[in-house]
Amino acid sequence: MTALRNWHDERRSIYLYAIAAALESAPPQQTMFAALARAAARQADIWAGEIARAGGTVPLRYEPDLRTRIVGALLRRFGVRPLRAVLAAMKVRGMAVFAHLGGGHAMPRTLADVGNRHAGTAKAGNLRAAVFGVNDGLLSNASLMMGVAGAAAEPRLVVLAGVAGLFAGAISMACGEYVSVRSQRDLYEDQIGLERAELDAYPAEEAAELALIYEARGLDKEAAIRFAAATVADPQQAMDTLTRYELGLNPDELGSPWGAALSSFLAFALGAAVPLLPFLTGQRAATPAIAMALTAAALFAVGAAVSLFTGHGAIKGGLRMLAIGIAATGATYWVGTAIGTVNW
């Protein structure tokens, strides 16, 4: 029964709001959680009325389930900020306040700010994922092949290890990325469905919740109320804003699970192919040296590309990645050499 589920969700939120309010020392966050708990109580009463009108029975008291008790215990132990994603999934609002304090969402000043300032976020995230995917494939497959080569294996075994490492790693990365993005989308779609139902059922209460969050993030009370009311008046804008500022979710960062899986597969495979290609040319005498030279050049290039996301110098980033690669491949080569000397 949807109404009963929503009643439980609101009562669960009240339970967690009370813990969060007790933990917060900053008055704006403390006040926000206490006020959100009162708003959730009013919303729970609305759903209780829906249950009664449908002929159902409203529980006499709320008993937190095991999951809620565990989250409550973690909340007391670690605080609100480290558990933002978990709390957002548990329908605890206001998590974007803590992202803001840590340098996340900035406070919008107009309705257009809500969506426009996120433009390009997904593309930047995809580029970053592609660079790191190439780096993972390059480093892991080069290390694997050098380890096998260190055991004095025949070139064909080195090639076999490289091909197996390329496909095994790429498939593993693709599967992991699919599960990750699919899980994010499941969370997003479920929370958006609940938020849409609440916006339809009690828009005034949703506007009040949003105003509390805006106030906790620095707007004065009157401006927060006006801004929240204007936001909720536009259903499409309201859903986007509530998603970002109540749930702390960014829909622009969620892509297609299949697209993410394919991108991860291709990025990893591209990197893993670099140390493998020289072994496929037939120039066996120079193959290990050529493979290491190509791998070193690729590691430097990837390190330089990573500097785009870190703000450090490209040369420094390239040299650091090269040093990491030399250490990793050298260690696996040494391990392979040591194992190759063992009389099995």
Protein backbone atom coordinates (compact mmCIF):
# COMPACT_ATOMS: atom_id res chain seq x y z
CA MET A 1 0.00 0.00 0.00
CA THR A 2 1.64 3.25 -1.16
CA ALA A 3 0.16 5.42 1.60
CA LEU A 4 1.38 3.02 4.29
CA ARG A 5 4.86 2.94 2.75
CA ASN A 6 4.94 6.73 2.68
CA TRP A 7 3.82 6.86 6.32
CA HIS A 8 6.69 4.56 7.28
CA ASP A 9 9.11 6.67 5.21
CA GLU A 10 8.07 9.85 7.00
CA ARG A 11 8.26 8.24 10.45
CA ARG A 12 11.70 6.84 9.59
CA SER A 13 12.81 10.32 8.53
CA ILE A 14 11.61 11.75 11.86
CA TYR A 15 13.65 9.12 13.74
CA LEU A 16 16.82 10.01 11.80
CA TYR A 17 16.17 13.77 11.88
CA ALA A 18 16.07 13.61 15.67
CA ILE A 19 19.49 11.92 15.76
CA ALA A 20 20.94 14.36 13.22
CA ALA A 21 19.60 17.40 15.11
CA ALA A 22 21.15 16.13 18.35
CA LEU A 23 24.52 15.65 16.65
CA GLU A 24 24.74 19.04 14.91
CA SER A 25 26.41 21.85 16.81
CA ALA A 26 25.78 24.56 14.18
CA PRO A 27 22.44 26.31 14.89
CA PRO A 28 21.34 26.57 11.21
CA GLN A 29 21.68 22.82 10.62
CA GLN A 30 20.23 22.00 14.05
CA THR A 31 17.22 24.19 13.38
CA MET A 32 16.80 22.79 9.88
CA PHE A 33 16.70 19.16 11.04
CA ALA A 34 14.29 19.95 13.88
CA ALA A 35 12.00 21.81 11.51
CA LEU A 36 12.22 19.07 8.88
CA ALA A 37 11.24 16.55 11.56
CA ARG A 38 8.13 18.60 12.34
CA ALA A 39 7.34 18.86 8.63
CA ALA A 40 7.75 15.08 8.26
CA ALA A 41 5.38 14.59 11.19
CA ARG A 42 2.73 16.69 9.45
CA GLN A 43 3.25 14.71 6.24
CA ALA A 44 2.98 11.44 8.15
CA ASP A 45 -0.38 12.65 9.48
CA ILE A 46 -1.51 13.32 5.91
CA TRP A 47 -0.62 9.78 4.87
CA ALA A 48 -2.30 8.42 8.01
CA GLY A 49 -5.47 10.15 6.86
CA GLU A 50 -5.13 8.55 3.41
CA ILE A 51 -4.74 5.12 5.03
CA ALA A 52 -7.82 5.62 7.20
CA ARG A 53 -9.92 6.81 4.26
CA ALA A 54 -8.89 3.70 2.30
CA GLY A 55 -10.04 1.49 5.16
CA GLY A 56 -6.56 0.59 6.35
CA THR A 57 -5.11 0.58 9.84
CA VAL A 58 -2.49 3.07 10.93
CA PRO A 59 0.15 1.54 13.23
CA LEU A 60 -0.17 2.75 16.83
CA ARG A 61 3.55 3.51 17.01
CA TYR A 62 6.54 3.49 14.71
CA GLU A 63 9.18 0.82 15.30
CA PRO A 64 12.41 1.41 13.34
CA ASP A 65 13.46 -1.60 11.29
CA LEU A 66 16.94 -3.12 11.47
CA ARG A 67 18.29 -1.07 8.56
CA THR A 68 17.13 2.18 10.16
CA ARG A 69 18.65 1.23 13.51
CA ILE A 70 21.96 0.41 11.84
CA VAL A 71 21.98 3.75 9.98
CA GLY A 72 21.09 5.50 13.24
CA ALA A 73 24.02 3.82 15.00
CA LEU A 74 26.39 4.77 12.15
CA LEU A 75 25.07 8.32 12.26
CA ARG A 76 25.83 8.59 15.98
CA ARG A 77 29.29 7.15 15.40
CA PHE A 78 30.41 9.07 12.30
CA GLY A 79 28.12 12.10 12.04
CA VAL A 80 25.98 13.42 9.21
CA ARG A 81 28.53 14.49 6.59
CA PRO A 82 30.14 11.04 5.90
CA LEU A 83 26.68 9.44 5.58
CA ARG A 84 25.13 11.96 3.18
CA ALA A 85 24.46 9.42 0.41
CA VAL A 86 23.02 6.85 2.83
CA LEU A 87 20.77 9.42 4.50
CA ALA A 88 19.53 10.71 1.13
CA ALA A 89 18.52 7.15 0.24
CA MET A 90 16.69 6.94 3.58
CA LYS A 91 14.61 10.03 2.67
CA VAL A 92 16.47 12.41 4.97
CA ARG A 93 16.35 15.86 3.38
CA GLY A 94 18.86 18.67 3.44
CA MET A 95 21.98 16.69 2.52
CA ALA A 96 22.96 19.28 -0.09
CA VAL A 97 23.64 21.68 2.79
CA PHE A 98 26.64 19.57 3.78
CA ALA A 99 27.83 19.22 0.18
CA HIS A 100 27.75 23.02 0.01
CA LEU A 101 29.78 23.38 3.20
CA GLY A 102 32.35 21.04 1.68
CA GLY A 103 32.52 22.95 -1.60
CA GLY A 104 29.62 21.30 -3.45
CA HIS A 105 26.41 22.94 -4.70
CA ALA A 106 26.52 26.71 -4.52
CA MET A 107 23.41 28.59 -3.49
CA PRO A 108 21.36 29.59 -6.56
CA ARG A 109 20.16 33.16 -6.80
CA THR A 110 17.63 32.77 -9.64
CA LEU A 111 15.49 29.91 -10.89
CA ALA A 112 17.68 29.63 -13.99
CA ASP A 113 20.70 28.99 -11.77
CA VAL A 114 19.28 25.68 -10.61
CA GLY A 115 19.78 23.90 -13.91
CA ASN A 116 22.17 26.03 -15.93
CA ARG A 117 25.15 25.88 -13.59
CA HIS A 118 25.24 22.09 -13.94
CA ALA A 119 25.69 22.26 -17.70
CA GLY A 120 28.70 20.24 -18.78
CA THR A 121 29.07 18.35 -15.48
CA ALA A 122 28.26 14.98 -17.02
CA LYS A 123 30.66 15.51 -19.94
CA ALA A 124 33.50 16.40 -17.58
CA GLY A 125 32.73 13.33 -15.50
CA ASN A 126 32.76 11.10 -18.58
CA LEU A 127 36.12 12.49 -19.70
CA ARG A 128 37.59 11.92 -16.27
CA ALA A 129 36.27 8.34 -16.18
CA ALA A 130 37.73 7.65 -19.64
CA VAL A 131 41.19 8.91 -18.63
CA PHE A 132 41.26 6.82 -15.48
CA GLY A 133 39.89 3.81 -17.35
CA VAL A 134 42.75 3.98 -19.84
CA ASN A 135 45.19 4.34 -16.95
CA ASP A 136 43.78 1.26 -15.18
CA GLY A 137 44.06 -0.86 -18.30
CA LEU A 138 47.54 0.35 -19.13
CA LEU A 139 49.00 -0.14 -15.66
CA SER A 140 47.31 -3.44 -14.78
CA ASN A 141 48.02 -5.17 -18.09
CA ALA A 142 51.61 -3.92 -18.30
CA SER A 143 52.21 -5.20 -14.77
CA LEU A 144 50.60 -8.55 -15.58
CA MET A 145 52.65 -9.03 -18.74
CA MET A 146 55.91 -8.00 -17.06
CA GLY A 147 55.20 -10.45 -14.26
CA VAL A 148 54.73 -13.28 -16.73
CA ALA A 149 57.81 -12.17 -18.70
CA GLY A 150 59.80 -12.15 -15.47
CA ALA A 151 59.08 -15.84 -15.02
CA ALA A 152 61.07 -16.44 -18.24
CA ALA A 153 57.92 -17.46 -20.03
CA GLU A 154 57.82 -17.89 -23.80
CA PRO A 155 56.65 -14.82 -25.74
CA ARG A 156 53.42 -16.59 -26.69
CA LEU A 157 52.58 -17.02 -22.99
CA VAL A 158 53.23 -13.33 -22.42
CA VAL A 159 50.86 -12.55 -25.30
CA LEU A 160 48.27 -14.98 -23.91
CA ALA A 161 48.50 -13.31 -20.50
CA GLY A 162 48.15 -9.88 -22.10
CA VAL A 163 45.09 -10.85 -24.15
CA ALA A 164 43.48 -12.56 -21.15
CA GLY A 165 44.25 -9.56 -18.95
CA LEU A 166 42.79 -7.16 -21.50
CA PHE A 167 39.47 -8.96 -21.85
CA ALA A 168 39.14 -10.04 -18.22
CA GLY A 169 39.89 -6.55 -16.96
CA ALA A 170 37.69 -4.80 -19.51
CA ILE A 171 34.74 -7.10 -18.82
CA SER A 172 35.21 -6.71 -15.07
CA MET A 173 35.32 -2.92 -15.39
CA ALA A 174 32.23 -2.91 -17.61
CA CYS A 175 30.25 -5.09 -15.22
CA GLY A 176 31.30 -3.00 -12.23
CA GLU A 177 30.39 0.25 -13.96
CA TYR A 178 27.01 -1.13 -15.08
CA VAL A 179 26.11 -2.18 -11.54
CA SER A 180 27.31 1.15 -10.13
CA VAL A 181 25.35 3.34 -12.56
CA ARG A 182 22.28 1.09 -12.44
CA SER A 183 22.27 1.31 -8.65
CA GLN A 184 22.57 5.09 -8.80
CA ARG A 185 19.70 5.30 -11.25
CA ASP A 186 17.54 2.97 -9.13
CA LEU A 187 18.10 5.24 -6.15
CA TYR A 188 17.42 8.34 -8.23
CA GLU A 189 14.25 6.97 -9.82
CA ASP A 190 12.86 5.71 -6.52
CA GLN A 191 13.53 8.98 -4.71
CA ILE A 192 12.16 11.04 -7.58
CA GLY A 193 8.98 8.92 -7.58
CA LEU A 194 8.48 9.56 -3.87
CA GLU A 195 9.26 13.26 -4.28
CA ARG A 196 6.77 13.58 -7.15
CA ALA A 197 4.04 11.91 -5.08
CA GLU A 198 4.74 14.24 -2.17
CA LEU A 199 4.78 17.31 -4.41
CA ASP A 200 1.36 16.31 -5.78
CA ALA A 201 -0.03 15.49 -2.33
CA TYR A 202 1.22 18.49 -0.34
CA PRO A 203 3.02 21.16 -2.38
CA ALA A 204 2.86 23.72 0.44
CA GLU A 205 4.72 21.41 2.81
CA GLU A 206 7.35 20.67 0.16
CA ALA A 207 7.83 24.41 -0.36
CA ALA A 208 8.25 24.83 3.41
CA GLU A 209 10.90 22.09 3.49
CA LEU A 210 12.77 23.68 0.60
CA ALA A 211 12.64 27.09 2.30
CA LEU A 212 14.21 25.58 5.43
CA ILE A 213 17.08 24.21 3.35
CA TYR A 214 17.61 27.53 1.56
CA GLU A 215 17.61 29.33 4.91
CA ALA A 216 20.17 26.89 6.34
CA ARG A 217 22.37 27.60 3.34
CA GLY A 218 22.47 31.35 3.86
CA LEU A 219 19.32 33.02 2.50
CA ASP A 220 17.29 35.15 4.90
CA LYS A 221 13.96 33.67 5.92
CA GLU A 222 11.69 35.85 3.79
CA ALA A 223 13.81 35.41 0.66
CA ALA A 224 13.98 31.65 1.23
CA ILE A 225 10.19 31.42 1.50
CA ARG A 226 9.64 33.49 -1.65
CA PHE A 227 12.22 31.57 -3.62
CA ALA A 228 10.85 28.19 -2.51
CA ALA A 229 7.28 29.21 -3.37
CA ALA A 230 8.34 30.38 -6.84
CA THR A 231 10.26 27.15 -7.40
CA VAL A 232 7.39 24.85 -6.42
CA ALA A 233 4.99 26.80 -8.65
CA ASP A 234 6.75 25.34 -11.71
CA PRO A 235 6.39 21.50 -11.50
CA GLN A 236 9.36 20.70 -13.75
CA GLN A 237 11.62 23.21 -12.03
CA ALA A 238 10.36 22.03 -8.66
CA MET A 239 11.31 18.41 -9.34
CA ASP A 240 14.78 19.39 -10.49
CA THR A 241 15.33 21.65 -7.49
CA LEU A 242 13.94 19.22 -4.92
CA THR A 243 16.15 16.49 -6.36
CA ARG A 244 19.27 18.60 -6.01
CA TYR A 245 18.62 20.41 -2.73
CA GLU A 246 16.41 18.07 -0.72
CA LEU A 247 17.86 14.76 -1.86
CA GLY A 248 21.38 15.96 -2.64
CA LEU A 249 21.27 14.10 -5.97
CA ASN A 250 22.50 15.45 -9.30
CA PRO A 251 20.56 13.91 -12.21
CA ASP A 252 23.11 15.33 -14.67
CA GLU A 253 25.70 12.94 -13.27
CA LEU A 254 23.64 9.83 -13.95
CA GLY A 255 23.99 8.32 -17.41
CA SER A 256 22.98 5.12 -19.15
CA PRO A 257 24.20 1.94 -17.40
CA TRP A 258 24.88 0.31 -20.78
CA GLY A 259 26.66 3.40 -22.06
CA ALA A 260 28.81 3.55 -18.93
CA ALA A 261 29.63 -0.16 -19.23
CA LEU A 262 30.63 0.16 -22.89
CA SER A 263 32.73 3.26 -22.22
CA SER A 264 34.55 1.51 -19.36
CA PHE A 265 35.17 -1.56 -21.51
CA LEU A 266 36.62 0.47 -24.37
CA ALA A 267 38.73 2.75 -22.14
CA PHE A 268 40.26 -0.16 -20.23
CA ALA A 269 40.84 -2.16 -23.42
CA LEU A 270 42.54 0.83 -25.07
CA GLY A 271 44.98 1.19 -22.21
CA ALA A 272 45.57 -2.56 -21.89
CA ALA A 273 46.35 -2.84 -25.62
CA VAL A 274 49.39 -0.53 -25.41
CA PRO A 275 51.87 -3.00 -23.82
CA LEU A 276 50.37 -5.86 -25.85
CA LEU A 277 50.71 -4.41 -29.36
CA PRO A 278 54.50 -4.78 -29.73
CA PHE A 279 54.23 -8.51 -29.00
CA LEU A 280 51.88 -8.88 -31.97
CA THR A 281 54.25 -7.33 -34.52
CA GLY A 282 56.57 -10.33 -34.87
CA GLN A 283 59.75 -8.40 -33.92
CA ARG A 284 60.41 -10.69 -30.99
CA ALA A 285 63.98 -9.65 -30.17
CA ALA A 286 63.07 -6.05 -29.44
CA THR A 287 59.52 -6.64 -28.24
CA PRO A 288 59.98 -6.30 -24.44
CA ALA A 289 62.01 -3.11 -24.82
CA ILE A 290 59.50 -1.62 -27.27
CA ALA A 291 56.61 -2.63 -25.03
CA MET A 292 58.20 -0.95 -22.02
CA ALA A 293 59.00 2.19 -24.03
CA LEU A 294 55.42 2.47 -25.31
CA THR A 295 54.05 1.79 -21.84
CA ALA A 296 56.32 4.46 -20.31
CA ALA A 297 55.27 7.01 -22.94
CA ALA A 298 51.58 6.18 -22.41
CA LEU A 299 51.93 6.40 -18.62
CA PHE A 300 53.50 9.83 -18.92
CA ALA A 301 50.73 10.96 -21.29
CA VAL A 302 48.00 9.67 -18.96
CA GLY A 303 49.64 11.36 -15.97
CA ALA A 304 49.76 14.62 -17.89
CA ALA A 305 46.07 14.20 -18.79
CA VAL A 306 45.17 13.55 -15.14
CA SER A 307 46.65 16.96 -14.33
CA LEU A 308 43.64 18.48 -16.08
CA PHE A 309 41.52 17.30 -13.15
CA THR A 310 44.01 17.94 -10.34
CA GLY A 311 45.27 21.38 -11.31
CA HIS A 312 48.91 20.28 -10.98
CA GLY A 313 51.50 20.73 -13.72
CA ALA A 314 51.36 18.32 -16.65
CA ILE A 315 55.06 17.40 -16.44
CA LYS A 316 54.84 16.75 -12.71
CA GLY A 317 51.72 14.62 -13.22
CA GLY A 318 53.32 12.69 -16.07
CA LEU A 319 56.51 11.97 -14.11
CA ARG A 320 54.55 10.88 -11.08
CA MET A 321 52.48 8.44 -13.11
CA LEU A 322 55.61 7.18 -14.82
CA ALA A 323 57.25 6.56 -11.43
CA ILE A 324 54.18 4.68 -10.22
CA GLY A 325 54.17 2.58 -13.39
CA ILE A 326 57.86 1.73 -13.09
CA ALA A 327 57.36 0.71 -9.47
CA ALA A 328 54.32 -1.44 -10.27
CA THR A 329 55.78 -3.20 -13.30
CA GLY A 330 59.14 -3.60 -11.60
CA ALA A 331 57.54 -5.20 -8.56
CA THR A 332 55.50 -7.66 -10.63
CA TYR A 333 58.54 -8.46 -12.81
CA TRP A 334 60.54 -9.24 -9.64
CA VAL A 335 57.71 -11.42 -8.30
CA GLY A 336 57.50 -13.23 -11.64
CA THR A 337 61.28 -13.77 -11.65
CA ALA A 338 61.18 -15.13 -8.10
CA ILE A 339 58.33 -17.51 -8.88
CA GLY A 340 60.00 -18.57 -12.14
CA THR A 341 63.01 -19.85 -10.22
CA VAL A 342 60.92 -22.12 -8.00
CA ASN A 343 61.12 -25.81 -8.88
CA TRP A 344 57.47 -26.81 -8.94
